[in-house]
C-alpha atoms as a PDB file:
ATOM      1  CA  MET A   1      18.085  -6.046   4.320  1.00  0.00           C
ATOM      2  CA  ASN A   2      14.876  -5.763   2.312  1.00  0.00           C
ATOM      3  CA  VAL A   3      15.487  -9.179   0.725  1.00  0.00           C
ATOM      4  CA  MET A   4      16.017 -10.736   4.168  1.00  0.00           C
ATOM      5  CA  ARG A   5      12.877  -9.062   5.533  1.00  0.00           C
ATOM      6  CA  THR A   6      10.853 -10.305   2.579  1.00  0.00           C
ATOM      7  CA  GLY A   7      12.100 -13.857   3.122  1.00  0.00           C
ATOM      8  CA  MET A   8      11.286 -13.747   6.839  1.00  0.00           C
ATOM      9  CA  LEU A   9       7.780 -12.456   6.179  1.00  0.00           C
ATOM     10  CA  LEU A  10       7.112 -15.106   3.573  1.00  0.00           C
ATOM     11  CA  ALA A  11       8.384 -17.833   5.911  1.00  0.00           C
ATOM     12  CA  PHE A  12       6.182 -16.554   8.723  1.00  0.00           C
ATOM     13  CA  MET A  13       3.078 -16.344   6.552  1.00  0.00           C
ATOM     14  CA  THR A  14       3.781 -19.814   5.116  1.00  0.00           C
ATOM     15  CA  ALA A  15       4.118 -21.269   8.622  1.00  0.00           C
ATOM     16  CA  LEU A  16       0.847 -19.675   9.651  1.00  0.00           C
ATOM     17  CA  PHE A  17      -0.834 -21.035   6.538  1.00  0.00           C
ATOM     18  CA  MET A  18       0.446 -24.528   7.376  1.00  0.00           C
ATOM     19  CA  GLY A  19      -0.700 -24.163  10.980  1.00  0.00           C
ATOM     20  CA  VAL A  20      -4.251 -23.426   9.911  1.00  0.00           C
ATOM     21  CA  GLY A  21      -4.082 -26.431   7.570  1.00  0.00           C
ATOM     22  CA  PHE A  22      -2.947 -28.616  10.488  1.00  0.00           C
ATOM     23  CA  LEU A  23      -5.850 -27.445  12.640  1.00  0.00           C
ATOM     24  CA  ILE A  24      -8.295 -28.273   9.872  1.00  0.00           C
ATOM     25  CA  GLY A  25      -6.927 -31.597   8.597  1.00  0.00           C
ATOM     26  CA  GLY A  26      -4.037 -32.732  10.784  1.00  0.00           C
ATOM     27  CA  THR A  27      -0.727 -33.732   9.212  1.00  0.00           C
ATOM     28  CA  GLY A  28      -2.323 -34.336   5.848  1.00  0.00           C
ATOM     29  CA  GLY A  29      -3.959 -30.929   5.927  1.00  0.00           C
ATOM     30  CA  MET A  30      -0.648 -29.331   6.883  1.00  0.00           C
ATOM     31  CA  MET A  31       1.160 -30.952   3.958  1.00  0.00           C
ATOM     32  CA  ILE A  32      -1.574 -29.880   1.557  1.00  0.00           C
ATOM     33  CA  ALA A  33      -1.329 -26.348   2.963  1.00  0.00           C
ATOM     34  CA  LEU A  34       2.456 -26.437   2.506  1.00  0.00           C
ATOM     35  CA  VAL A  35       2.115 -27.344  -1.171  1.00  0.00           C
ATOM     36  CA  ILE A  36      -0.557 -24.677  -1.668  1.00  0.00           C
ATOM     37  CA  ALA A  37       1.527 -22.060   0.172  1.00  0.00           C
ATOM     38  CA  ALA A  38       4.624 -22.838  -1.911  1.00  0.00           C
ATOM     39  CA  GLY A  39       2.600 -22.460  -5.070  1.00  0.00           C
ATOM     40  CA  MET A  40       1.020 -19.250  -3.822  1.00  0.00           C
ATOM     41  CA  ASN A  41       4.400 -17.769  -2.888  1.00  0.00           C
ATOM     42  CA  LEU A  42       5.646 -18.399  -6.410  1.00  0.00           C
ATOM     43  CA  PHE A  43       2.418 -17.185  -7.966  1.00  0.00           C
ATOM     44  CA  SER A  44       2.329 -14.094  -5.753  1.00  0.00           C
ATOM     45  CA  TYR A  45       5.879 -13.130  -6.667  1.00  0.00           C
ATOM     46  CA  TRP A  46       4.893 -12.873 -10.318  1.00  0.00           C
ATOM     47  CA  ASN A  47       1.215 -11.938 -10.128  1.00  0.00           C
ATOM     48  CA  SER A  48       0.346 -10.320  -6.778  1.00  0.00           C
ATOM     49  CA  ASP A  49       0.579  -6.827  -8.275  1.00  0.00           C
ATOM     50  CA  LYS A  50      -1.971  -7.729 -10.951  1.00  0.00           C
ATOM     51  CA  MET A  51      -4.235  -9.270  -8.315  1.00  0.00           C
ATOM     52  CA  VAL A  52      -4.181  -6.171  -6.133  1.00  0.00           C
ATOM     53  CA  LEU A  53      -4.842  -3.883  -9.092  1.00  0.00           C
ATOM     54  CA  ASN A  54      -7.754  -6.087 -10.135  1.00  0.00           C
ATOM     55  CA  MET A  55      -9.144  -6.101  -6.597  1.00  0.00           C
ATOM     56  CA  HIS A  56      -9.501  -2.347  -6.799  1.00  0.00           C
ATOM     57  CA  HIS A  57     -10.598  -2.238 -10.459  1.00  0.00           C
ATOM     58  CA  ALA A  58      -7.587  -0.127 -11.426  1.00  0.00           C
ATOM     59  CA  VAL A  59      -7.351   0.902 -15.082  1.00  0.00           C
ATOM     60  CA  GLU A  60      -4.018   1.680 -16.727  1.00  0.00           C
ATOM     61  CA  VAL A  61      -3.694   5.199 -18.157  1.00  0.00           C
ATOM     62  CA  ASP A  62      -1.097   6.948 -20.295  1.00  0.00           C
ATOM     63  CA  GLU A  63      -0.150  10.392 -21.534  1.00  0.00           C
ATOM     64  CA  ASN A  64      -2.983  10.330 -24.052  1.00  0.00           C
ATOM     65  CA  ASN A  65      -5.931   9.821 -21.706  1.00  0.00           C
ATOM     66  CA  ALA A  66      -4.443  11.257 -18.492  1.00  0.00           C
ATOM     67  CA  PRO A  67      -1.654  13.607 -19.648  1.00  0.00           C
ATOM     68  CA  GLU A  68      -1.048  15.632 -16.481  1.00  0.00           C
ATOM     69  CA  TYR A  69      -1.452  12.812 -13.972  1.00  0.00           C
ATOM     70  CA  TYR A  70       0.860  10.649 -16.090  1.00  0.00           C
ATOM     71  CA  GLY A  71       3.229  13.589 -16.570  1.00  0.00           C
ATOM     72  CA  ILE A  72       3.519  14.155 -12.817  1.00  0.00           C
ATOM     73  CA  VAL A  73       4.528  10.531 -12.271  1.00  0.00           C
ATOM     74  CA  ARG A  74       6.966  10.624 -15.191  1.00  0.00           C
ATOM     75  CA  ASP A  75       8.681  13.777 -13.909  1.00  0.00           C
ATOM     76  CA  LEU A  76       8.902  12.420 -10.362  1.00  0.00           C
ATOM     77  CA  ALA A  77      10.336   9.093 -11.540  1.00  0.00           C
ATOM     78  CA  GLU A  78      12.961  11.000 -13.504  1.00  0.00           C
ATOM     79  CA  ARG A  79      13.882  13.071 -10.445  1.00  0.00           C
ATOM     80  CA  ALA A  80      14.112   9.932  -8.309  1.00  0.00           C
ATOM     81  CA  GLY A  81      16.236   8.097 -10.896  1.00  0.00           C
ATOM     82  CA  LEU A  82      13.656   5.306 -11.224  1.00  0.00           C
ATOM     83  CA  PRO A  83      12.305   3.509 -14.282  1.00  0.00           C
ATOM     84  CA  MET A  84       8.914   4.806 -15.370  1.00  0.00           C
ATOM     85  CA  PRO A  85       6.257   2.723 -13.573  1.00  0.00           C
ATOM     86  CA  LYS A  86       2.904   1.793 -15.031  1.00  0.00           C
ATOM     87  CA  VAL A  87       0.265   4.326 -14.016  1.00  0.00           C
ATOM     88  CA  PHE A  88      -3.231   3.301 -12.969  1.00  0.00           C
ATOM     89  CA  LEU A  89      -6.447   5.094 -12.069  1.00  0.00           C
ATOM     90  CA  ILE A  90      -9.002   3.749  -9.590  1.00  0.00           C
ATOM     91  CA  GLN A  91     -12.622   4.810  -9.960  1.00  0.00           C
ATOM     92  CA  ASN A  92     -13.263   5.456  -6.275  1.00  0.00           C
ATOM     93  CA  ASP A  93     -14.438   8.566  -4.437  1.00  0.00           C
ATOM     94  CA  GLN A  94     -12.178   7.930  -1.452  1.00  0.00           C
ATOM     95  CA  PRO A  95      -8.899   9.852  -1.896  1.00  0.00           C
ATOM     96  CA  ASN A  96      -6.063   7.322  -1.701  1.00  0.00           C
ATOM     97  CA  ALA A  97      -3.152   5.784  -3.601  1.00  0.00           C
ATOM     98  CA  PHE A  98      -0.787   2.823  -3.514  1.00  0.00           C
ATOM     99  CA  ALA A  99       2.202   1.286  -5.270  1.00  0.00           C
ATOM    100  CA  THR A 100       2.791  -2.335  -6.168  1.00  0.00           C
ATOM    101  CA  GLY A 101       5.201  -4.539  -8.123  1.00  0.00           C
ATOM    102  CA  ARG A 102       8.020  -6.955  -7.408  1.00  0.00           C
ATOM    103  CA  ASN A 103      10.836  -4.494  -8.244  1.00  0.00           C
ATOM    104  CA  PRO A 104      11.396  -0.980  -9.664  1.00  0.00           C
ATOM    105  CA  GLN A 105      11.548  -2.396 -13.197  1.00  0.00           C
ATOM    106  CA  ASN A 106       8.064  -3.922 -12.810  1.00  0.00           C
ATOM    107  CA  ALA A 107       6.328  -1.366 -10.625  1.00  0.00           C
ATOM    108  CA  ALA A 108       2.936   0.292 -10.821  1.00  0.00           C
ATOM    109  CA  VAL A 109       1.403   3.251  -9.017  1.00  0.00           C
ATOM    110  CA  ALA A 110      -2.323   3.856  -8.659  1.00  0.00           C
ATOM    111  CA  ALA A 111      -4.345   6.863  -7.532  1.00  0.00           C
ATOM    112  CA  SER A 112      -8.090   7.133  -7.028  1.00  0.00           C
ATOM    113  CA  THR A 113     -10.317   9.592  -8.832  1.00  0.00           C
ATOM    114  CA  GLY A 114     -11.187  10.956  -5.396  1.00  0.00           C
ATOM    115  CA  LEU A 115      -7.528  11.807  -4.805  1.00  0.00           C
ATOM    116  CA  LEU A 116      -7.206  13.658  -8.111  1.00  0.00           C
ATOM    117  CA  GLN A 117     -10.433  15.549  -7.517  1.00  0.00           C
ATOM    118  CA  ARG A 118      -9.718  16.675  -3.969  1.00  0.00           C
ATOM    119  CA  LEU A 119      -5.988  17.408  -3.970  1.00  0.00           C
ATOM    120  CA  SER A 120      -4.001  20.190  -5.597  1.00  0.00           C
ATOM    121  CA  PRO A 121      -1.315  19.327  -8.194  1.00  0.00           C
ATOM    122  CA  GLN A 122       1.413  19.818  -5.578  1.00  0.00           C
ATOM    123  CA  GLU A 123      -0.344  17.462  -3.166  1.00  0.00           C
ATOM    124  CA  VAL A 124      -0.879  14.868  -5.905  1.00  0.00           C
ATOM    125  CA  ALA A 125       2.839  15.087  -6.725  1.00  0.00           C
ATOM    126  CA  ALA A 126       3.736  14.601  -3.060  1.00  0.00           C
ATOM    127  CA  VAL A 127       1.512  11.521  -2.793  1.00  0.00           C
ATOM    128  CA  MET A 128       2.934   9.950  -5.937  1.00  0.00           C
ATOM    129  CA  ALA A 129       6.455  10.758  -4.723  1.00  0.00           C
ATOM    130  CA  HIS A 130       5.646   8.823  -1.535  1.00  0.00           C
ATOM    131  CA  GLU A 131       4.544   5.851  -3.622  1.00  0.00           C
ATOM    132  CA  LEU A 132       7.686   6.028  -5.735  1.00  0.00           C
ATOM    133  CA  ALA A 133       9.691   6.000  -2.493  1.00  0.00           C
ATOM    134  CA  HIS A 134       8.073   2.640  -1.701  1.00  0.00           C
ATOM    135  CA  VAL A 135       9.129   1.431  -5.137  1.00  0.00           C
ATOM    136  CA  GLU A 136      12.679   2.680  -4.578  1.00  0.00           C
ATOM    137  CA  ASN A 137      12.839   1.012  -1.148  1.00  0.00           C
ATOM    138  CA  ARG A 138      11.398  -2.215  -2.609  1.00  0.00           C
ATOM    139  CA  ASP A 139       8.588  -2.232  -0.055  1.00  0.00           C
ATOM    140  CA  THR A 140       6.103  -3.108  -2.767  1.00  0.00           C
ATOM    141  CA  LEU A 141       7.128  -6.772  -3.076  1.00  0.00           C
ATOM    142  CA  THR A 142       6.804  -7.324   0.659  1.00  0.00           C
ATOM    143  CA  MET A 143       3.433  -5.592   0.839  1.00  0.00           C
ATOM    144  CA  THR A 144       1.838  -7.261  -2.160  1.00  0.00           C
ATOM    145  CA  ILE A 145       2.926 -10.824  -1.336  1.00  0.00           C
ATOM    146  CA  THR A 146       1.959 -10.619   2.329  1.00  0.00           C
ATOM    147  CA  ALA A 147      -1.391  -9.073   1.388  1.00  0.00           C
ATOM    148  CA  THR A 148      -2.063 -11.981  -0.984  1.00  0.00           C
ATOM    149  CA  LEU A 149      -1.063 -14.617   1.561  1.00  0.00           C
ATOM    150  CA  ALA A 150      -3.081 -12.968   4.323  1.00  0.00           C
ATOM    151  CA  GLY A 151      -6.162 -13.065   2.120  1.00  0.00           C
ATOM    152  CA  ALA A 152      -5.533 -16.770   1.452  1.00  0.00           C
ATOM    153  CA  ILE A 153      -5.197 -17.466   5.190  1.00  0.00           C
ATOM    154  CA  SER A 154      -8.529 -15.770   5.792  1.00  0.00           C
ATOM    155  CA  MET A 155     -10.194 -17.946   3.157  1.00  0.00           C
ATOM    156  CA  LEU A 156      -8.599 -21.089   4.604  1.00  0.00           C
ATOM    157  CA  GLY A 157      -9.941 -20.154   8.032  1.00  0.00           C
ATOM    158  CA  ASN A 158     -13.410 -19.841   6.540  1.00  0.00           C
ATOM    159  CA  PHE A 159     -13.074 -23.313   5.042  1.00  0.00           C
ATOM    160  CA  ALA A 160     -12.552 -24.653   8.555  1.00  0.00           C
ATOM    161  CA  MET A 161     -16.233 -24.053   9.220  1.00  0.00           C
ATOM    162  CA  PHE A 162     -17.190 -26.528   6.484  1.00  0.00           C
ATOM    163  CA  PHE A 163     -14.348 -29.065   6.416  1.00  0.00           C
ATOM    164  CA  GLY A 164     -12.941 -29.068   9.945  1.00  0.00           C
ATOM    165  CA  GLY A 165     -14.090 -30.863  13.057  1.00  0.00           C
ATOM    166  CA  ASN A 166     -14.685 -34.169  11.253  1.00  0.00           C
ATOM    167  CA  ARG A 167     -12.767 -37.172  12.561  1.00  0.00           C
ATOM    168  CA  GLU A 168     -12.320 -38.412   8.996  1.00  0.00           C
ATOM    169  CA  ASN A 169     -10.299 -35.266   8.272  1.00  0.00           C
ATOM    170  CA  ASN A 170      -7.682 -36.294  10.880  1.00  0.00           C
ATOM    171  CA  ASN A 171      -8.216 -33.030  12.701  1.00  0.00           C
ATOM    172  CA  PRO A 172      -6.114 -33.479  15.880  1.00  0.00           C
ATOM    173  CA  LEU A 173      -8.161 -31.056  17.963  1.00  0.00           C
ATOM    174  CA  GLY A 174     -11.625 -31.656  16.578  1.00  0.00           C
ATOM    175  CA  PHE A 175     -14.100 -28.847  17.051  1.00  0.00           C
ATOM    176  CA  ILE A 176     -11.597 -26.906  19.169  1.00  0.00           C
ATOM    177  CA  GLY A 177      -9.204 -26.903  16.239  1.00  0.00           C
ATOM    178  CA  VAL A 178     -11.950 -25.552  14.004  1.00  0.00           C
ATOM    179  CA  LEU A 179     -12.658 -22.746  16.456  1.00  0.00           C
ATOM    180  CA  VAL A 180      -8.965 -21.873  16.678  1.00  0.00           C
ATOM    181  CA  ALA A 181      -8.672 -21.794  12.875  1.00  0.00           C
ATOM    182  CA  MET A 182     -11.763 -19.607  12.617  1.00  0.00           C
ATOM    183  CA  ILE A 183     -10.391 -17.224  15.239  1.00  0.00           C
ATOM    184  CA  VAL A 184      -6.966 -17.046  13.555  1.00  0.00           C
ATOM    185  CA  ALA A 185      -8.482 -16.162  10.183  1.00  0.00           C
ATOM    186  CA  PRO A 186     -10.051 -12.821  11.206  1.00  0.00           C
ATOM    187  CA  PHE A 187      -6.675 -11.777  12.592  1.00  0.00           C
ATOM    188  CA  ALA A 188      -4.859 -12.452   9.322  1.00  0.00           C
ATOM    189  CA  ALA A 189      -5.019  -8.770   8.357  1.00  0.00           C
ATOM    190  CA  MET A 190      -3.605  -7.837  11.773  1.00  0.00           C
ATOM    191  CA  ILE A 191      -0.720 -10.245  11.207  1.00  0.00           C
ATOM    192  CA  VAL A 192       0.096  -8.381   8.023  1.00  0.00           C
ATOM    193  CA  GLN A 193      -0.105  -5.121   9.953  1.00  0.00           C
ATOM    194  CA  MET A 194       2.407  -6.404  12.526  1.00  0.00           C
ATOM    195  CA  ALA A 195       4.692  -8.107   9.982  1.00  0.00           C
ATOM    196  CA  ILE A 196       5.184  -5.040   7.823  1.00  0.00           C
ATOM    197  CA  SER A 197       7.055  -2.469   9.871  1.00  0.00           C
ATOM    198  CA  ARG A 198       5.233   0.829  10.131  1.00  0.00           C
ATOM    199  CA  THR A 199       8.585   2.588   9.915  1.00  0.00           C
ATOM    200  CA  ARG A 200       8.405   2.030   6.138  1.00  0.00           C
ATOM    201  CA  GLU A 201       5.712   4.724   6.026  1.00  0.00           C
ATOM    202  CA  TYR A 202       7.926   7.254   7.801  1.00  0.00           C
ATOM    203  CA  ALA A 203      10.822   6.367   5.493  1.00  0.00           C
ATOM    204  CA  ALA A 204       8.591   6.708   2.417  1.00  0.00           C
ATOM    205  CA  ASP A 205       7.234  10.030   3.719  1.00  0.00           C
ATOM    206  CA  ARG A 206      10.740  11.374   4.112  1.00  0.00           C
ATOM    207  CA  ARG A 207      11.986  10.161   0.761  1.00  0.00           C
ATOM    208  CA  GLY A 208       8.772  11.296  -0.920  1.00  0.00           C
ATOM    209  CA  ALA A 209       9.275  14.804   0.471  1.00  0.00           C
ATOM    210  CA  GLU A 210      12.808  14.800  -0.921  1.00  0.00           C
ATOM    211  CA  ILE A 211      11.600  13.689  -4.361  1.00  0.00           C
ATOM    212  CA  CYS A 212       8.779  16.231  -4.689  1.00  0.00           C
ATOM    213  CA  GLY A 213      10.808  18.945  -2.959  1.00  0.00           C
ATOM    214  CA  ASN A 214       8.469  20.089  -0.185  1.00  0.00           C
ATOM    215  CA  PRO A 215       7.413  18.139   2.939  1.00  0.00           C
ATOM    216  CA  LEU A 216       4.508  20.546   3.534  1.00  0.00           C
ATOM    217  CA  TRP A 217       2.826  19.357   0.346  1.00  0.00           C
ATOM    218  CA  LEU A 218       2.805  15.772   1.609  1.00  0.00           C
ATOM    219  CA  ALA A 219       1.690  16.874   5.080  1.00  0.00           C
ATOM    220  CA  SER A 220      -1.256  18.714   3.552  1.00  0.00           C
ATOM    221  CA  ALA A 221      -2.089  15.732   1.332  1.00  0.00           C
ATOM    222  CA  LEU A 222      -2.040  13.288   4.252  1.00  0.00           C
ATOM    223  CA  ASN A 223      -4.436  15.494   6.189  1.00  0.00           C
ATOM    224  CA  LYS A 224      -6.902  15.628   3.291  1.00  0.00           C
ATOM    225  CA  ILE A 225      -6.637  11.907   2.541  1.00  0.00           C
ATOM    226  CA  ALA A 226      -7.143  10.948   6.188  1.00  0.00           C
ATOM    227  CA  ARG A 227     -10.272  13.071   6.429  1.00  0.00           C
ATOM    228  CA  GLY A 228     -11.553  11.653   3.155  1.00  0.00           C
ATOM    229  CA  ALA A 229     -10.878   8.061   4.235  1.00  0.00           C
ATOM    230  CA  GLN A 230     -12.908   8.601   7.394  1.00  0.00           C
ATOM    231  CA  ALA A 231     -15.835  10.150   5.522  1.00  0.00           C
ATOM    232  CA  ILE A 232     -15.974   7.907   2.426  1.00  0.00           C
ATOM    233  CA  VAL A 233     -16.220   4.114   2.553  1.00  0.00           C
ATOM    234  CA  ASN A 234     -13.954   2.225   0.148  1.00  0.00           C
ATOM    235  CA  GLU A 235     -16.046  -0.856  -0.613  1.00  0.00           C
ATOM    236  CA  ASP A 236     -13.269  -2.674  -2.501  1.00  0.00           C
ATOM    237  CA  ALA A 237     -10.876  -2.207   0.412  1.00  0.00           C
ATOM    238  CA  GLU A 238     -13.505  -3.354   2.916  1.00  0.00           C
ATOM    239  CA  ARG A 239     -13.975  -6.540   0.890  1.00  0.00           C
ATOM    240  CA  ASN A 240     -10.183  -7.049   0.711  1.00  0.00           C
ATOM    241  CA  PRO A 241      -8.824  -5.787   4.069  1.00  0.00           C
ATOM    242  CA  ALA A 242      -5.475  -7.542   3.565  1.00  0.00           C
ATOM    243  CA  SER A 243      -4.655  -4.936   0.904  1.00  0.00           C
ATOM    244  CA  ALA A 244      -5.016  -2.045   3.380  1.00  0.00           C
ATOM    245  CA  PRO A 245      -1.265  -1.773   4.182  1.00  0.00           C
ATOM    246  CA  LEU A 246      -0.588  -0.949   0.524  1.00  0.00           C
ATOM    247  CA  PHE A 247      -2.341   2.420   0.682  1.00  0.00           C
ATOM    248  CA  ILE A 248      -0.784   5.707   1.761  1.00  0.00           C
ATOM    249  CA  ILE A 249      -3.575   6.061   4.357  1.00  0.00           C
ATOM    250  CA  ASN A 250      -5.523   3.138   5.799  1.00  0.00           C
ATOM    251  CA  PRO A 251      -8.621   2.843   3.569  1.00  0.00           C
ATOM    252  CA  LEU A 252     -10.579   0.923   6.205  1.00  0.00           C
ATOM    253  CA  SER A 253     -12.895   2.782   8.555  1.00  0.00           C
ATOM    254  CA  GLY A 254     -12.150   3.444  12.210  1.00  0.00           C
ATOM    255  CA  ARG A 255      -8.386   2.881  12.436  1.00  0.00           C
ATOM    256  CA  GLY A 256      -6.510   6.086  12.964  1.00  0.00           C
ATOM    257  CA  ALA A 257      -4.379   5.490  16.048  1.00  0.00           C
ATOM    258  CA  ASP A 258      -0.864   4.188  16.526  1.00  0.00           C
ATOM    259  CA  ASN A 259      -1.360   0.798  18.188  1.00  0.00           C
ATOM    260  CA  LEU A 260      -0.017  -2.720  17.981  1.00  0.00           C
ATOM    261  CA  PHE A 261      -2.352  -3.767  15.190  1.00  0.00           C
ATOM    262  CA  SER A 262      -2.467  -0.551  13.171  1.00  0.00           C
ATOM    263  CA  THR A 263      -1.635  -0.792   9.475  1.00  0.00           C
ATOM    264  CA  HIS A 264      -0.206   2.738   9.468  1.00  0.00           C
ATOM    265  CA  PRO A 265       1.316   5.220  11.911  1.00  0.00           C
ATOM    266  CA  SER A 266      -1.118   7.901  13.045  1.00  0.00           C
ATOM    267  CA  THR A 267      -1.566  10.655  10.491  1.00  0.00           C
ATOM    268  CA  GLU A 268      -0.839  13.276  13.147  1.00  0.00           C
ATOM    269  CA  ASN A 269       2.559  11.730  13.874  1.00  0.00           C
ATOM    270  CA  ARG A 270       3.415  11.558  10.185  1.00  0.00           C
ATOM    271  CA  ILE A 271       2.432  15.179   9.624  1.00  0.00           C
ATOM    272  CA  ALA A 272       4.494  16.263  12.633  1.00  0.00           C
ATOM    273  CA  ALA A 273       7.523  14.421  11.259  1.00  0.00           C
ATOM    274  CA  LEU A 274       7.106  16.106   7.878  1.00  0.00           C
ATOM    275  CA  GLU A 275       6.729  19.554   9.427  1.00  0.00           C
ATOM    276  CA  ALA A 276       9.919  18.934  11.385  1.00  0.00           C
ATOM    277  CA  MET A 277      11.713  18.404   8.077  1.00  0.00           C
ATOM    278  CA  VAL A 278      11.043  21.963   6.902  1.00  0.00           C
ATOM    279  CA  GLU A 279      13.819  23.571   8.938  1.00  0.00           C
ATOM    280  CA  GLU A 280      16.170  20.751   7.985  1.00  0.00           C
ATOM    281  CA  PHE A 281      15.460  21.433   4.309  1.00  0.00           C
ATOM    282  CA  ARG A 282      16.094  25.154   4.792  1.00  0.00           C
ATOM    283  CA  GLN A 283      19.508  24.445   6.310  1.00  0.00           C
ATOM    284  CA  MET A 284      20.633  22.205   3.449  1.00  0.00           C
ATOM    285  CA  PRO A 285      23.534  23.388   1.273  1.00  0.00           C
ATOM    286  CA  PRO A 286      22.311  24.946  -2.013  1.00  0.00           C
ATOM    287  CA  ALA A 287      23.423  21.917  -4.000  1.00  0.00           C
ATOM    288  CA  ARG A 288      21.147  19.655  -1.951  1.00  0.00           C
ATOM    289  CA  ALA A 289      18.279  22.053  -1.285  1.00  0.00           C
ATOM    290  CA  PRO A 290      14.849  21.087  -2.689  1.00  0.00           C
ATOM    291  CA  GLN A 291      13.764  22.795  -5.872  1.00  0.00           C
ATOM    292  CA  ALA A 292      10.277  23.660  -4.614  1.00  0.00           C
ATOM    293  CA  PRO A 293       9.897  26.726  -2.338  1.00  0.00           C
ATOM    294  CA  LEU A 294       9.160  25.569   1.215  1.00  0.00           C
ATOM    295  CA  ASP A 295       6.779  28.460   1.859  1.00  0.00           C
ATOM    296  CA  ASP A 296       4.686  27.578  -1.194  1.00  0.00           C
ATOM    297  CA  GLU A 297       1.460  26.156   0.232  1.00  0.00           C
ATOM    298  CA  PRO A 298      -0.612  23.875  -2.019  1.00  0.00           C
ATOM    299  CA  ARG A 299      -2.917  26.049  -4.112  1.00  0.00           C
ATOM    300  CA  GLU A 300      -6.408  25.077  -5.207  1.00  0.00           C
ATOM    301  CA  ASP A 301      -6.456  27.484  -8.168  1.00  0.00           C
ATOM    302  CA  ARG A 302      -3.932  25.448 -10.176  1.00  0.00           C
ATOM    303  CA  PRO A 303      -5.262  23.304 -13.063  1.00  0.00           C
ATOM    304  CA  THR A 304      -6.213  19.813 -11.955  1.00  0.00           C
ATOM    305  CA  PRO A 305      -3.534  17.152 -12.581  1.00  0.00           C
ATOM    306  CA  TRP A 306      -5.560  14.738 -14.689  1.00  0.00           C
ATOM    307  CA  GLY A 307      -5.724  16.522 -17.985  1.00  0.00           C
ATOM    308  CA  ARG A 308      -8.702  18.888 -17.829  1.00  0.00           C
ATOM    309  CA  ASP A 309      -7.021  21.266 -20.262  1.00  0.00           C
ATOM    310  CA  GLY A 310      -5.568  18.388 -22.293  1.00  0.00           C
ATOM    311  CA  ALA A 311      -2.015  19.724 -22.017  1.00  0.00           C
ATOM    312  CA  SER A 312       0.905  18.024 -20.323  1.00  0.00           C
ATOM    313  CA  ARG A 313       3.218  20.525 -18.709  1.00  0.00           C
ATOM    314  CA  LYS A 314       6.690  19.879 -17.327  1.00  0.00           C
ATOM    315  CA  GLY A 315       6.376  19.826 -13.565  1.00  0.00           C
ATOM    316  CA  PRO A 316       2.956  21.519 -13.032  1.00  0.00           C
ATOM    317  CA  TRP A 317       3.480  20.930  -9.320  1.00  0.00           C
ATOM    318  CA  ALA A 318       6.883  22.644  -8.978  1.00  0.00           C
END
């Protein structure tokens, strides 16, 4: 199902890319766009994760320079039965995180310094468990490739201003075609938002709660991240809006509601769904019950999860 969805999204984004090329340069422009799109699809499959990480100036860390943050991810990956992903740190005050990579064997997770500074170890674990759920569900390939293509469509729309509207370009609609291409481009990010089903966030929330062992930890983390995203501008995300669907909470300002063009479900709805899981967890048979106590609220007095004391402990969040 995920493979089919990925193929459909790529086909849709490729068709849109070709359509913008047609509006700019007619049949010739469409064929050029087709060749470019085919190359970008192939390039994105292998390199989109690196591009997204570079967009946000993410730096890879390990157990030597970030022992507890790295240890949390390692323990969660082990619990989820996943290969150990690469772990990255983003120097950004806005609390947020994302996952990327074409498959679980080539995955990466990234958290901002703002997230590690503002969240408790349990909340950090819940957030990283959510990102590992995306890796497990193979959402990361879909998100990274569509984000890359959407950014390319936006750039192509901008080129219409300079290269479109000229009869020598075989533009079939002239200046009208240029206007249409320029209008389509700003909506490229919205196309990504519609193409990627928002249900993936609910599924990742649920699976993330199962991995970390307590849905209340993730609910608390989402609340803090949402408030932080509203208060702190993420300049890298604002410059690259097509990457917004990758994050656990929309990093762009002013988009909190569930609507047709939203990149994420509303935080309130996600928190409500997680809180509804608590009773379900309590009723699970002992063999399936989560290891973390459901009444254990995230505590601020625990050591921070990025190695302040220089020691890596087994499951500091459990």
